[in-house]
Amino acid sequence: MRADPPENLEFFLTLALTASKVWPLVQREFAAEDVDPVHWGLLFHVGARDDVTPSELAAETGLSATTVRDNIQALVDRSLVERDPNPQDARSYYVRLTKQGRSDLERGIVASRRLEKRIADELAERARRVETVLARRGRQ
């Protein structure tokens, strides 16, 4: 039994192809600034607040508490954040950016702005290609 392709097949193929191209662009732009893109997202959340707990970060980011704690440890090991005791809860701690963490945050913002432009350019090019394909099909 042969299935007919869905009407939106071109859209999904374009989306899949674009997704496969986006992550390497992210890695390249952030590597140019010597910033880990995954850690940068967490730095951004930490930098947005004066003091934040891992539980608050997990709730804000949608990441599991374990993932947040593991990433915080990696950021502590790289001297990007520091931990301070939480006076209201001895089992918890506050996280705040270090000077180096603020520097990485700022360089990540530069990378994200460049990345946004590159992705917009890439998506525009892919959209032009899809329009060309659809136009050809319309003439057939």
N, C-alpha and C. Protein backbone atom coordinates (compact mmCIF):
# COMPACT_ATOMS: atom_id res chain seq x y z
N MET A 1 0.83 -1.17 0.00
CA MET A 1 0.00 0.00 0.00
C MET A 1 0.89 1.24 0.00
N ARG A 2 0.62 2.13 -0.91
CA ARG A 2 1.43 3.34 -1.05
C ARG A 2 0.67 4.51 -0.45
N ALA A 3 1.35 5.25 0.42
CA ALA A 3 0.72 6.41 1.04
C ALA A 3 1.06 7.67 0.26
N ASP A 4 0.09 8.55 0.13
CA ASP A 4 0.35 9.85 -0.49
C ASP A 4 1.07 10.74 0.51
N PRO A 5 2.01 11.52 0.01
CA PRO A 5 2.71 12.42 0.93
C PRO A 5 1.75 13.47 1.48
N PRO A 6 1.96 13.87 2.74
CA PRO A 6 1.09 14.91 3.29
C PRO A 6 1.31 16.23 2.56
N GLU A 7 0.29 17.08 2.60
CA GLU A 7 0.39 18.38 1.92
C GLU A 7 1.54 19.22 2.46
N ASN A 8 1.84 19.07 3.73
CA ASN A 8 2.86 19.90 4.35
C ASN A 8 4.23 19.22 4.40
N LEU A 9 4.45 18.24 3.55
CA LEU A 9 5.72 17.52 3.55
C LEU A 9 6.90 18.45 3.34
N GLU A 10 6.80 19.37 2.39
CA GLU A 10 7.89 20.31 2.13
C GLU A 10 8.24 21.11 3.38
N PHE A 11 7.22 21.54 4.10
CA PHE A 11 7.44 22.30 5.33
C PHE A 11 8.24 21.47 6.33
N PHE A 12 7.83 20.22 6.56
CA PHE A 12 8.51 19.40 7.55
C PHE A 12 9.91 19.00 7.11
N LEU A 13 10.09 18.76 5.83
CA LEU A 13 11.43 18.47 5.33
C LEU A 13 12.35 19.68 5.51
N THR A 14 11.82 20.85 5.22
CA THR A 14 12.59 22.08 5.39
C THR A 14 12.91 22.30 6.87
N LEU A 15 11.94 22.06 7.72
CA LEU A 15 12.15 22.22 9.16
C LEU A 15 13.24 21.26 9.66
N ALA A 16 13.18 20.00 9.23
CA ALA A 16 14.19 19.02 9.65
C ALA A 16 15.58 19.40 9.15
N LEU A 17 15.65 19.83 7.91
CA LEU A 17 16.93 20.23 7.34
C LEU A 17 17.48 21.45 8.05
N THR A 18 16.62 22.41 8.33
CA THR A 18 17.03 23.63 9.02
C THR A 18 17.53 23.31 10.42
N ALA A 19 16.80 22.45 11.14
CA ALA A 19 17.22 22.07 12.49
C ALA A 19 18.61 21.44 12.48
N SER A 20 18.87 20.62 11.47
CA SER A 20 20.18 19.97 11.40
C SER A 20 21.29 20.97 11.11
N LYS A 21 20.94 22.11 10.55
CA LYS A 21 21.92 23.15 10.26
C LYS A 21 22.09 24.14 11.41
N VAL A 22 21.06 24.31 12.23
CA VAL A 22 21.08 25.34 13.27
C VAL A 22 22.08 25.02 14.38
N TRP A 23 22.09 23.80 14.90
CA TRP A 23 22.96 23.49 16.03
C TRP A 23 24.44 23.72 15.69
N PRO A 24 24.92 23.30 14.53
CA PRO A 24 26.31 23.64 14.20
C PRO A 24 26.57 25.15 14.15
N LEU A 25 25.58 25.92 13.71
CA LEU A 25 25.73 27.38 13.72
C LEU A 25 25.84 27.89 15.16
N VAL A 26 25.01 27.36 16.04
CA VAL A 26 25.06 27.75 17.45
C VAL A 26 26.46 27.45 18.01
N GLN A 27 26.92 26.25 17.78
CA GLN A 27 28.23 25.85 18.30
C GLN A 27 29.34 26.75 17.75
N ARG A 28 29.29 27.05 16.47
CA ARG A 28 30.34 27.86 15.84
C ARG A 28 30.36 29.28 16.40
N GLU A 29 29.19 29.92 16.50
CA GLU A 29 29.14 31.30 16.98
C GLU A 29 29.58 31.40 18.44
N PHE A 30 29.15 30.45 19.26
CA PHE A 30 29.54 30.50 20.67
C PHE A 30 31.01 30.11 20.85
N ALA A 31 31.50 29.19 20.05
CA ALA A 31 32.92 28.82 20.12
C ALA A 31 33.80 30.02 19.76
N ALA A 32 33.34 30.85 18.84
CA ALA A 32 34.11 32.04 18.45
C ALA A 32 34.28 32.99 19.64
N GLU A 33 33.36 32.92 20.59
CA GLU A 33 33.44 33.76 21.80
C GLU A 33 33.96 32.96 22.99
N ASP A 34 34.33 31.70 22.76
CA ASP A 34 34.82 30.81 23.82
C ASP A 34 33.81 30.66 24.95
N VAL A 35 32.54 30.43 24.55
CA VAL A 35 31.46 30.27 25.51
C VAL A 35 30.70 29.00 25.16
N ASP A 36 30.40 28.18 26.17
CA ASP A 36 29.60 26.98 25.98
C ASP A 36 28.13 27.40 25.87
N PRO A 37 27.45 27.11 24.75
CA PRO A 37 26.07 27.57 24.59
C PRO A 37 25.10 26.99 25.62
N VAL A 38 25.33 25.77 26.06
CA VAL A 38 24.45 25.16 27.05
C VAL A 38 24.63 25.87 28.39
N HIS A 39 25.86 26.08 28.78
CA HIS A 39 26.13 26.77 30.04
C HIS A 39 25.68 28.23 29.97
N TRP A 40 25.79 28.83 28.79
CA TRP A 40 25.40 30.24 28.65
C TRP A 40 23.94 30.43 29.02
N GLY A 41 23.09 29.51 28.61
CA GLY A 41 21.67 29.63 28.96
C GLY A 41 21.47 29.68 30.45
N LEU A 42 22.20 28.86 31.19
CA LEU A 42 22.10 28.86 32.64
C LEU A 42 22.71 30.14 33.22
N LEU A 43 23.84 30.58 32.66
CA LEU A 43 24.44 31.84 33.11
C LEU A 43 23.45 32.99 32.95
N PHE A 44 22.70 32.96 31.87
CA PHE A 44 21.73 34.01 31.61
C PHE A 44 20.69 34.06 32.72
N HIS A 45 20.19 32.89 33.11
CA HIS A 45 19.18 32.83 34.18
C HIS A 45 19.78 33.26 35.52
N VAL A 46 21.00 32.85 35.80
CA VAL A 46 21.65 33.25 37.05
C VAL A 46 21.88 34.76 37.05
N GLY A 47 22.34 35.29 35.92
CA GLY A 47 22.64 36.71 35.82
C GLY A 47 21.41 37.60 35.90
N ALA A 48 20.25 37.05 35.61
CA ALA A 48 19.02 37.84 35.65
C ALA A 48 18.56 38.10 37.08
N ARG A 49 19.13 37.40 38.04
CA ARG A 49 18.72 37.54 39.45
C ARG A 49 19.96 37.78 40.30
N ASP A 50 19.76 38.40 41.45
CA ASP A 50 20.89 38.60 42.36
C ASP A 50 21.31 37.28 43.00
N ASP A 51 20.36 36.58 43.54
CA ASP A 51 20.61 35.28 44.15
C ASP A 51 19.51 34.35 43.69
N VAL A 52 19.89 33.15 43.30
CA VAL A 52 18.91 32.19 42.82
C VAL A 52 19.33 30.80 43.31
N THR A 53 18.37 29.99 43.67
CA THR A 53 18.66 28.63 44.12
C THR A 53 18.58 27.67 42.93
N PRO A 54 19.20 26.51 43.06
CA PRO A 54 19.07 25.51 41.99
C PRO A 54 17.62 25.12 41.71
N SER A 55 16.80 25.04 42.76
CA SER A 55 15.38 24.69 42.56
C SER A 55 14.67 25.76 41.74
N GLU A 56 14.98 27.03 42.00
CA GLU A 56 14.38 28.11 41.22
C GLU A 56 14.84 28.05 39.77
N LEU A 57 16.12 27.75 39.57
CA LEU A 57 16.64 27.62 38.21
C LEU A 57 15.96 26.48 37.46
N ALA A 58 15.76 25.36 38.16
CA ALA A 58 15.10 24.21 37.53
C ALA A 58 13.67 24.60 37.11
N ALA A 59 12.97 25.30 37.98
CA ALA A 59 11.60 25.71 37.67
C ALA A 59 11.58 26.69 36.49
N GLU A 60 12.53 27.62 36.45
CA GLU A 60 12.56 28.63 35.39
C GLU A 60 12.95 28.05 34.04
N THR A 61 13.86 27.08 34.05
CA THR A 61 14.40 26.56 32.79
C THR A 61 13.68 25.32 32.29
N GLY A 62 12.94 24.65 33.16
CA GLY A 62 12.30 23.41 32.76
C GLY A 62 13.23 22.21 32.80
N LEU A 63 14.46 22.43 33.29
CA LEU A 63 15.41 21.34 33.43
C LEU A 63 15.18 20.62 34.75
N SER A 64 15.62 19.37 34.84
CA SER A 64 15.49 18.66 36.10
C SER A 64 16.45 19.25 37.13
N ALA A 65 16.12 19.08 38.40
CA ALA A 65 16.98 19.58 39.47
C ALA A 65 18.38 18.96 39.38
N THR A 66 18.45 17.70 39.03
CA THR A 66 19.75 17.02 38.90
C THR A 66 20.58 17.64 37.77
N THR A 67 19.94 17.89 36.64
CA THR A 67 20.65 18.51 35.51
C THR A 67 21.16 19.88 35.89
N VAL A 68 20.32 20.67 36.57
CA VAL A 68 20.74 22.00 37.00
C VAL A 68 21.92 21.90 37.96
N ARG A 69 21.83 21.02 38.95
CA ARG A 69 22.94 20.88 39.92
C ARG A 69 24.23 20.44 39.23
N ASP A 70 24.13 19.50 38.30
CA ASP A 70 25.33 19.06 37.57
C ASP A 70 25.95 20.20 36.78
N ASN A 71 25.10 20.99 36.13
CA ASN A 71 25.61 22.12 35.36
C ASN A 71 26.16 23.23 36.25
N ILE A 72 25.53 23.45 37.40
CA ILE A 72 26.08 24.42 38.35
C ILE A 72 27.46 23.99 38.80
N GLN A 73 27.63 22.71 39.07
CA GLN A 73 28.95 22.22 39.48
C GLN A 73 29.98 22.48 38.39
N ALA A 74 29.60 22.23 37.14
CA ALA A 74 30.51 22.50 36.02
C ALA A 74 30.86 23.99 35.95
N LEU A 75 29.87 24.85 36.21
CA LEU A 75 30.12 26.30 36.19
C LEU A 75 30.99 26.73 37.37
N VAL A 76 30.81 26.10 38.52
CA VAL A 76 31.67 26.37 39.68
C VAL A 76 33.10 25.94 39.36
N ASP A 77 33.25 24.76 38.76
CA ASP A 77 34.58 24.25 38.40
C ASP A 77 35.30 25.17 37.42
N ARG A 78 34.55 25.87 36.59
CA ARG A 78 35.14 26.79 35.61
C ARG A 78 35.20 28.23 36.13
N SER A 79 34.86 28.41 37.42
CA SER A 79 34.88 29.72 38.09
C SER A 79 33.93 30.72 37.44
N LEU A 80 32.80 30.24 36.93
CA LEU A 80 31.82 31.12 36.30
C LEU A 80 30.71 31.52 37.26
N VAL A 81 30.46 30.67 38.26
CA VAL A 81 29.49 31.00 39.31
C VAL A 81 30.10 30.59 40.65
N GLU A 82 29.52 31.16 41.69
CA GLU A 82 29.90 30.76 43.05
C GLU A 82 28.65 30.44 43.83
N ARG A 83 28.83 29.61 44.84
CA ARG A 83 27.71 29.21 45.70
C ARG A 83 27.86 29.89 47.05
N ASP A 84 26.72 30.33 47.58
CA ASP A 84 26.68 30.90 48.92
C ASP A 84 25.60 30.17 49.70
N PRO A 85 25.82 29.96 51.01
CA PRO A 85 24.79 29.28 51.81
C PRO A 85 23.47 30.04 51.78
N ASN A 86 22.39 29.29 51.84
CA ASN A 86 21.05 29.86 51.92
C ASN A 86 20.68 29.92 53.40
N PRO A 87 20.59 31.11 53.99
CA PRO A 87 20.31 31.20 55.42
C PRO A 87 18.93 30.67 55.82
N GLN A 88 17.99 30.61 54.87
CA GLN A 88 16.66 30.09 55.18
C GLN A 88 16.57 28.56 55.07
N ASP A 89 17.55 27.95 54.41
CA ASP A 89 17.49 26.49 54.19
C ASP A 89 18.91 25.95 54.10
N ALA A 90 19.34 25.27 55.14
CA ALA A 90 20.71 24.77 55.21
C ALA A 90 21.00 23.72 54.13
N ARG A 91 19.96 23.12 53.54
CA ARG A 91 20.17 22.12 52.50
C ARG A 91 20.37 22.76 51.13
N SER A 92 20.11 24.05 51.03
CA SER A 92 20.15 24.73 49.74
C SER A 92 21.27 25.78 49.73
N TYR A 93 21.45 26.38 48.57
CA TYR A 93 22.45 27.44 48.43
C TYR A 93 22.00 28.39 47.32
N TYR A 94 22.58 29.57 47.34
CA TYR A 94 22.35 30.55 46.29
C TYR A 94 23.49 30.48 45.29
N VAL A 95 23.17 30.78 44.06
CA VAL A 95 24.17 30.81 42.99
C VAL A 95 24.24 32.24 42.47
N ARG A 96 25.45 32.72 42.24
CA ARG A 96 25.61 34.05 41.63
C ARG A 96 26.80 34.01 40.69
N LEU A 97 26.77 34.90 39.70
CA LEU A 97 27.85 34.97 38.72
C LEU A 97 29.13 35.53 39.35
N THR A 98 30.25 35.02 38.89
CA THR A 98 31.54 35.61 39.21
C THR A 98 31.86 36.65 38.13
N LYS A 99 32.98 37.32 38.28
CA LYS A 99 33.41 38.28 37.26
C LYS A 99 33.59 37.56 35.92
N GLN A 100 34.21 36.38 35.95
CA GLN A 100 34.40 35.60 34.72
C GLN A 100 33.06 35.15 34.15
N GLY A 101 32.12 34.80 35.03
CA GLY A 101 30.78 34.41 34.58
C GLY A 101 30.07 35.56 33.88
N ARG A 102 30.21 36.77 34.41
CA ARG A 102 29.61 37.95 33.75
C ARG A 102 30.25 38.18 32.38
N SER A 103 31.56 37.96 32.30
CA SER A 103 32.25 38.11 31.02
C SER A 103 31.74 37.09 30.01
N ASP A 104 31.59 35.83 30.43
CA ASP A 104 31.05 34.80 29.53
C ASP A 104 29.61 35.13 29.12
N LEU A 105 28.84 35.65 30.07
CA LEU A 105 27.46 36.03 29.77
C LEU A 105 27.43 37.10 28.69
N GLU A 106 28.25 38.12 28.82
CA GLU A 106 28.30 39.21 27.84
C GLU A 106 28.78 38.70 26.47
N ARG A 107 29.81 37.87 26.46
CA ARG A 107 30.30 37.32 25.18
C ARG A 107 29.25 36.42 24.54
N GLY A 108 28.48 35.72 25.36
CA GLY A 108 27.40 34.89 24.85
C GLY A 108 26.30 35.73 24.22
N ILE A 109 26.04 36.90 24.79
CA ILE A 109 25.05 37.80 24.21
C ILE A 109 25.51 38.26 22.82
N VAL A 110 26.79 38.56 22.70
CA VAL A 110 27.35 38.94 21.39
C VAL A 110 27.17 37.79 20.41
N ALA A 111 27.51 36.57 20.85
CA ALA A 111 27.36 35.40 19.98
C ALA A 111 25.91 35.17 19.60
N SER A 112 24.99 35.35 20.55
CA SER A 112 23.57 35.09 20.26
C SER A 112 23.03 36.10 19.26
N ARG A 113 23.50 37.34 19.32
CA ARG A 113 23.04 38.34 18.34
C ARG A 113 23.54 38.00 16.94
N ARG A 114 24.82 37.60 16.85
CA ARG A 114 25.34 37.18 15.54
C ARG A 114 24.60 35.96 15.04
N LEU A 115 24.35 35.03 15.94
CA LEU A 115 23.66 33.79 15.60
C LEU A 115 22.25 34.07 15.10
N GLU A 116 21.55 34.96 15.75
CA GLU A 116 20.19 35.30 15.34
C GLU A 116 20.17 35.79 13.89
N LYS A 117 21.12 36.63 13.54
CA LYS A 117 21.20 37.13 12.16
C LYS A 117 21.52 35.99 11.19
N ARG A 118 22.48 35.15 11.53
CA ARG A 118 22.84 34.02 10.65
C ARG A 118 21.66 33.08 10.45
N ILE A 119 20.94 32.78 11.51
CA ILE A 119 19.79 31.88 11.40
C ILE A 119 18.71 32.52 10.55
N ALA A 120 18.44 33.80 10.77
CA ALA A 120 17.43 34.49 9.96
C ALA A 120 17.82 34.44 8.49
N ASP A 121 19.09 34.67 8.19
CA ASP A 121 19.55 34.61 6.80
C ASP A 121 19.38 33.20 6.24
N GLU A 122 19.75 32.20 7.03
CA GLU A 122 19.64 30.80 6.60
C GLU A 122 18.18 30.42 6.36
N LEU A 123 17.30 30.81 7.27
CA LEU A 123 15.88 30.50 7.11
C LEU A 123 15.29 31.19 5.89
N ALA A 124 15.70 32.42 5.67
CA ALA A 124 15.20 33.15 4.49
C ALA A 124 15.63 32.44 3.21
N GLU A 125 16.86 31.98 3.17
CA GLU A 125 17.35 31.25 1.99
C GLU A 125 16.57 29.95 1.79
N ARG A 126 16.33 29.23 2.87
CA ARG A 126 15.58 27.97 2.77
C ARG A 126 14.14 28.25 2.32
N ALA A 127 13.55 29.31 2.83
CA ALA A 127 12.19 29.66 2.43
C ALA A 127 12.13 29.98 0.94
N ARG A 128 13.14 30.68 0.44
CA ARG A 128 13.18 30.97 -1.00
C ARG A 128 13.26 29.67 -1.81
N ARG A 129 14.04 28.72 -1.32
CA ARG A 129 14.15 27.43 -2.02
C ARG A 129 12.81 26.70 -2.03
N VAL A 130 12.12 26.69 -0.90
CA VAL A 130 10.82 26.02 -0.82
C VAL A 130 9.83 26.70 -1.75
N GLU A 131 9.81 28.02 -1.75
CA GLU A 131 8.91 28.75 -2.65
C GLU A 131 9.19 28.40 -4.10
N THR A 132 10.46 28.26 -4.46
CA THR A 132 10.82 27.89 -5.83
C THR A 132 10.28 26.51 -6.17
N VAL A 133 10.46 25.56 -5.25
CA VAL A 133 9.96 24.19 -5.47
C VAL A 133 8.45 24.21 -5.60
N LEU A 134 7.77 24.92 -4.72
CA LEU A 134 6.31 24.97 -4.77
C LEU A 134 5.81 25.65 -6.05
N ALA A 135 6.51 26.69 -6.47
CA ALA A 135 6.13 27.38 -7.71
C ALA A 135 6.28 26.44 -8.90
N ARG A 136 7.35 25.67 -8.93
CA ARG A 136 7.54 24.70 -10.03
C ARG A 136 6.43 23.67 -10.04
N ARG A 137 6.04 23.21 -8.87
CA ARG A 137 4.96 22.22 -8.79
C ARG A 137 3.65 22.82 -9.27
N GLY A 138 3.44 24.08 -8.96
CA GLY A 138 2.20 24.76 -9.37
C GLY A 138 2.10 24.90 -10.89
N ARG A 139 3.25 24.96 -11.57
CA ARG A 139 3.26 25.09 -13.03
C ARG A 139 3.05 23.73 -13.72
N GLN A 140 3.23 22.67 -12.98
CA GLN A 140 3.14 21.34 -13.59
C GLN A 140 1.71 20.88 -13.75
